[in-house]
Amino acid sequence: MTRPMLTQREAATACGVIRSTIRRRREAGDLRGAVQDEAWGWLIPVKEGLLAARFRLNAPAGPDLPAADSAAGTGGHRQEDGHGQGDDVAVLRAEL
């Protein structure tokens, strides 16, 4: 039975970190069982490497993109939706 191995890029994606984090941890010796393959580059074993180093697989990479109707999705400006929120935003802005 072969153990699952991931490239540094795949490991970074699976763990929700950037590739340099995986590279630094590998270089520090934290990812046991990592081997260099001529065709694929560095391969990191999932169980002995990533999980043993306390990485979480399928960890979120960062915050979700804002919805189109949220304040962040409208360039930071809340759109008037018929409930008087546009007026509330104007009052808050005036206070700033």
N, C-alpha and C. Protein backbone atom coordinates (compact mmCIF):
# COMPACT_ATOMS: atom_id res chain seq x y z
N MET A 1 0.85 -1.19 0.00
CA MET A 1 0.00 0.00 0.00
C MET A 1 0.89 1.24 0.00
N THR A 2 0.65 2.16 -0.94
CA THR A 2 1.44 3.38 -1.00
C THR A 2 0.77 4.47 -0.17
N ARG A 3 1.59 5.24 0.46
CA ARG A 3 1.04 6.32 1.28
C ARG A 3 0.76 7.53 0.39
N PRO A 4 -0.27 8.30 0.70
CA PRO A 4 -0.58 9.48 -0.12
C PRO A 4 0.51 10.54 0.03
N MET A 5 0.95 11.08 -1.10
CA MET A 5 1.97 12.12 -1.13
C MET A 5 1.43 13.30 -1.93
N LEU A 6 1.79 14.50 -1.51
CA LEU A 6 1.37 15.71 -2.20
C LEU A 6 2.60 16.54 -2.56
N THR A 7 2.52 17.25 -3.68
CA THR A 7 3.57 18.21 -4.00
C THR A 7 3.47 19.36 -3.00
N GLN A 8 4.47 20.21 -2.96
CA GLN A 8 4.40 21.36 -2.05
C GLN A 8 3.21 22.25 -2.37
N ARG A 9 2.94 22.44 -3.65
CA ARG A 9 1.80 23.27 -4.06
C ARG A 9 0.48 22.62 -3.62
N GLU A 10 0.35 21.32 -3.85
CA GLU A 10 -0.88 20.62 -3.43
C GLU A 10 -1.03 20.63 -1.92
N ALA A 11 0.08 20.45 -1.20
CA ALA A 11 0.05 20.46 0.26
C ALA A 11 -0.39 21.83 0.77
N ALA A 12 0.14 22.88 0.17
CA ALA A 12 -0.23 24.23 0.58
C ALA A 12 -1.72 24.47 0.35
N THR A 13 -2.21 24.07 -0.81
CA THR A 13 -3.64 24.23 -1.12
C THR A 13 -4.49 23.42 -0.15
N ALA A 14 -4.11 22.19 0.10
CA ALA A 14 -4.89 21.32 0.99
C ALA A 14 -4.91 21.83 2.42
N CYS A 15 -3.85 22.51 2.83
CA CYS A 15 -3.75 22.98 4.22
C CYS A 15 -4.15 24.44 4.39
N GLY A 16 -4.46 25.12 3.29
CA GLY A 16 -4.89 26.51 3.38
C GLY A 16 -3.76 27.46 3.74
N VAL A 17 -2.54 27.15 3.31
CA VAL A 17 -1.40 28.03 3.57
C VAL A 17 -0.72 28.34 2.24
N ILE A 18 0.24 29.24 2.26
CA ILE A 18 0.98 29.53 1.04
C ILE A 18 2.11 28.53 0.90
N ARG A 19 2.59 28.38 -0.32
CA ARG A 19 3.60 27.37 -0.61
C ARG A 19 4.89 27.59 0.17
N SER A 20 5.26 28.84 0.41
CA SER A 20 6.51 29.09 1.14
C SER A 20 6.42 28.58 2.58
N THR A 21 5.23 28.51 3.15
CA THR A 21 5.07 27.95 4.50
C THR A 21 5.44 26.48 4.49
N ILE A 22 4.96 25.76 3.49
CA ILE A 22 5.29 24.33 3.37
C ILE A 22 6.79 24.18 3.14
N ARG A 23 7.36 25.00 2.27
CA ARG A 23 8.80 24.92 1.97
C ARG A 23 9.63 25.19 3.24
N ARG A 24 9.29 26.23 3.98
CA ARG A 24 10.04 26.54 5.21
C ARG A 24 9.95 25.42 6.23
N ARG A 25 8.76 24.86 6.39
CA ARG A 25 8.58 23.76 7.34
C ARG A 25 9.35 22.53 6.90
N ARG A 26 9.39 22.27 5.58
CA ARG A 26 10.16 21.14 5.05
C ARG A 26 11.64 21.37 5.30
N GLU A 27 12.13 22.57 4.99
CA GLU A 27 13.54 22.89 5.19
C GLU A 27 13.94 22.82 6.66
N ALA A 28 13.00 23.10 7.56
CA ALA A 28 13.28 23.04 9.00
C ALA A 28 13.25 21.60 9.52
N GLY A 29 12.83 20.66 8.67
CA GLY A 29 12.77 19.26 9.07
C GLY A 29 11.48 18.86 9.74
N ASP A 30 10.47 19.73 9.66
CA ASP A 30 9.18 19.45 10.31
C ASP A 30 8.30 18.48 9.54
N LEU A 31 8.57 18.30 8.26
CA LEU A 31 7.73 17.44 7.42
C LEU A 31 8.48 16.14 7.14
N ARG A 32 8.38 15.23 8.09
CA ARG A 32 9.10 13.95 7.98
C ARG A 32 8.64 13.17 6.76
N GLY A 33 9.59 12.51 6.15
CA GLY A 33 9.28 11.64 5.01
C GLY A 33 9.21 12.37 3.69
N ALA A 34 9.49 13.68 3.66
CA ALA A 34 9.47 14.41 2.40
C ALA A 34 10.62 13.92 1.52
N VAL A 35 10.33 13.69 0.26
CA VAL A 35 11.34 13.22 -0.68
C VAL A 35 11.30 14.07 -1.93
N GLN A 36 12.44 14.20 -2.56
CA GLN A 36 12.50 14.96 -3.81
C GLN A 36 12.42 14.00 -4.98
N ASP A 37 11.49 14.28 -5.89
CA ASP A 37 11.27 13.48 -7.08
C ASP A 37 11.70 14.31 -8.29
N GLU A 38 12.39 13.68 -9.24
CA GLU A 38 12.87 14.40 -10.42
C GLU A 38 11.73 15.05 -11.21
N ALA A 39 10.64 14.34 -11.35
CA ALA A 39 9.52 14.83 -12.16
C ALA A 39 8.61 15.79 -11.40
N TRP A 40 8.37 15.53 -10.12
CA TRP A 40 7.35 16.26 -9.36
C TRP A 40 7.92 17.27 -8.37
N GLY A 41 9.20 17.26 -8.12
CA GLY A 41 9.77 18.14 -7.10
C GLY A 41 9.60 17.48 -5.73
N TRP A 42 9.45 18.27 -4.71
CA TRP A 42 9.29 17.72 -3.36
C TRP A 42 7.91 17.12 -3.17
N LEU A 43 7.87 15.93 -2.61
CA LEU A 43 6.61 15.24 -2.28
C LEU A 43 6.54 15.10 -0.77
N ILE A 44 5.40 15.47 -0.22
CA ILE A 44 5.20 15.47 1.22
C ILE A 44 4.17 14.39 1.57
N PRO A 45 4.51 13.44 2.46
CA PRO A 45 3.51 12.46 2.87
C PRO A 45 2.44 13.13 3.73
N VAL A 46 1.20 12.75 3.51
CA VAL A 46 0.09 13.38 4.23
C VAL A 46 0.16 13.05 5.72
N LYS A 47 0.17 11.76 6.06
CA LYS A 47 0.10 11.37 7.47
C LYS A 47 1.38 11.68 8.23
N GLU A 48 2.51 11.15 7.75
CA GLU A 48 3.77 11.30 8.47
C GLU A 48 4.33 12.72 8.39
N GLY A 49 3.95 13.46 7.36
CA GLY A 49 4.47 14.80 7.17
C GLY A 49 3.52 15.88 7.64
N LEU A 50 2.45 16.08 6.88
CA LEU A 50 1.53 17.19 7.15
C LEU A 50 0.77 17.03 8.46
N LEU A 51 0.13 15.88 8.63
CA LEU A 51 -0.67 15.69 9.84
C LEU A 51 0.21 15.63 11.09
N ALA A 52 1.38 15.00 10.99
CA ALA A 52 2.29 14.93 12.13
C ALA A 52 2.81 16.32 12.51
N ALA A 53 2.90 17.23 11.52
CA ALA A 53 3.35 18.60 11.78
C ALA A 53 2.19 19.49 12.20
N ARG A 54 1.04 18.87 12.43
CA ARG A 54 -0.18 19.55 12.92
C ARG A 54 -0.82 20.50 11.92
N PHE A 55 -0.61 20.23 10.63
CA PHE A 55 -1.37 20.95 9.62
C PHE A 55 -2.76 20.33 9.56
N ARG A 56 -3.74 21.13 9.22
CA ARG A 56 -5.10 20.63 9.03
C ARG A 56 -5.38 20.58 7.54
N LEU A 57 -5.82 19.43 7.07
CA LEU A 57 -6.20 19.31 5.66
C LEU A 57 -7.54 19.96 5.44
N ASN A 58 -7.70 20.51 4.25
CA ASN A 58 -8.94 21.21 3.85
C ASN A 58 -9.23 22.39 4.75
N ALA A 59 -8.18 23.01 5.28
CA ALA A 59 -8.35 24.22 6.07
C ALA A 59 -8.73 25.36 5.15
N PRO A 60 -9.56 26.27 5.61
CA PRO A 60 -9.93 27.39 4.75
C PRO A 60 -8.72 28.25 4.44
N ALA A 61 -8.63 28.71 3.21
CA ALA A 61 -7.49 29.52 2.78
C ALA A 61 -7.60 30.96 3.23
N GLY A 62 -8.76 31.42 3.55
CA GLY A 62 -8.94 32.81 3.96
C GLY A 62 -10.41 33.15 3.96
N PRO A 63 -10.72 34.41 4.17
CA PRO A 63 -12.13 34.79 4.21
C PRO A 63 -12.80 34.61 2.86
N ASP A 64 -14.08 34.28 2.91
CA ASP A 64 -14.86 34.16 1.68
C ASP A 64 -14.98 35.52 1.03
N LEU A 65 -15.18 35.52 -0.27
CA LEU A 65 -15.42 36.77 -0.97
C LEU A 65 -16.76 37.33 -0.53
N PRO A 66 -16.86 38.64 -0.39
CA PRO A 66 -18.13 39.23 0.06
C PRO A 66 -19.22 39.06 -0.98
N ALA A 67 -20.42 38.98 -0.51
CA ALA A 67 -21.58 38.89 -1.39
C ALA A 67 -21.74 40.22 -2.12
N ALA A 68 -22.36 40.18 -3.27
CA ALA A 68 -22.50 41.38 -4.10
C ALA A 68 -23.30 42.47 -3.39
N ASP A 69 -24.21 42.11 -2.48
CA ASP A 69 -25.03 43.13 -1.84
C ASP A 69 -24.47 43.57 -0.48
N SER A 70 -23.31 43.07 -0.07
CA SER A 70 -22.73 43.49 1.20
C SER A 70 -22.00 44.80 1.02
N ALA A 71 -21.67 45.45 2.12
CA ALA A 71 -20.95 46.72 2.06
C ALA A 71 -19.61 46.54 1.37
N ALA A 72 -18.91 45.45 1.66
CA ALA A 72 -17.60 45.23 1.04
C ALA A 72 -17.74 44.97 -0.46
N GLY A 73 -18.83 44.37 -0.87
CA GLY A 73 -19.03 44.05 -2.27
C GLY A 73 -19.45 45.25 -3.09
N THR A 74 -19.74 46.38 -2.45
CA THR A 74 -20.16 47.58 -3.17
C THR A 74 -19.15 48.69 -2.99
N GLY A 75 -17.88 48.30 -2.82
CA GLY A 75 -16.84 49.30 -2.69
C GLY A 75 -16.87 50.00 -1.34
N GLY A 76 -17.44 49.35 -0.33
CA GLY A 76 -17.49 49.93 1.00
C GLY A 76 -18.70 50.80 1.24
N HIS A 77 -19.56 50.95 0.24
CA HIS A 77 -20.74 51.79 0.39
C HIS A 77 -21.98 50.92 0.43
N ARG A 78 -22.77 51.07 1.45
CA ARG A 78 -24.00 50.30 1.59
C ARG A 78 -25.05 50.90 0.67
N GLN A 79 -25.69 50.10 -0.10
CA GLN A 79 -26.71 50.56 -1.02
C GLN A 79 -28.03 50.75 -0.28
N GLU A 80 -28.79 51.72 -0.70
CA GLU A 80 -30.12 51.94 -0.15
C GLU A 80 -31.01 50.78 -0.56
N ASP A 81 -31.67 50.17 0.42
CA ASP A 81 -32.51 49.02 0.10
C ASP A 81 -33.97 49.24 0.46
N GLY A 82 -34.35 50.49 0.68
CA GLY A 82 -35.73 50.77 0.97
C GLY A 82 -36.07 50.68 2.46
N HIS A 83 -35.10 50.44 3.32
CA HIS A 83 -35.36 50.33 4.75
C HIS A 83 -34.69 51.45 5.53
N GLY A 84 -34.27 52.50 4.87
CA GLY A 84 -33.68 53.62 5.55
C GLY A 84 -32.22 53.43 5.94
N GLN A 85 -31.59 52.34 5.53
CA GLN A 85 -30.20 52.10 5.90
C GLN A 85 -29.26 53.09 5.23
N GLY A 86 -29.62 53.58 4.06
CA GLY A 86 -28.79 54.56 3.37
C GLY A 86 -28.67 55.82 4.21
N ASP A 87 -29.77 56.23 4.84
CA ASP A 87 -29.74 57.39 5.72
C ASP A 87 -28.88 57.14 6.94
N ASP A 88 -28.93 55.92 7.50
CA ASP A 88 -28.13 55.58 8.66
C ASP A 88 -26.64 55.67 8.33
N VAL A 89 -26.28 55.21 7.15
CA VAL A 89 -24.88 55.25 6.73
C VAL A 89 -24.44 56.70 6.58
N ALA A 90 -25.27 57.54 6.01
CA ALA A 90 -24.93 58.95 5.85
C ALA A 90 -24.70 59.62 7.20
N VAL A 91 -25.52 59.31 8.20
CA VAL A 91 -25.37 59.86 9.54
C VAL A 91 -24.06 59.39 10.16
N LEU A 92 -23.75 58.10 10.02
CA LEU A 92 -22.50 57.56 10.57
C LEU A 92 -21.28 58.19 9.90
N ARG A 93 -21.36 58.38 8.60
CA ARG A 93 -20.25 59.02 7.90
C ARG A 93 -20.05 60.45 8.37
N ALA A 94 -21.14 61.15 8.60
CA ALA A 94 -21.05 62.54 9.08
C ALA A 94 -20.39 62.60 10.46
N GLU A 95 -20.65 61.58 11.29
CA GLU A 95 -20.04 61.54 12.62
C GLU A 95 -18.53 61.30 12.55
N LEU A 96 -18.09 60.60 11.51
CA LEU A 96 -16.65 60.35 11.36
C LEU A 96 -15.95 61.62 10.97
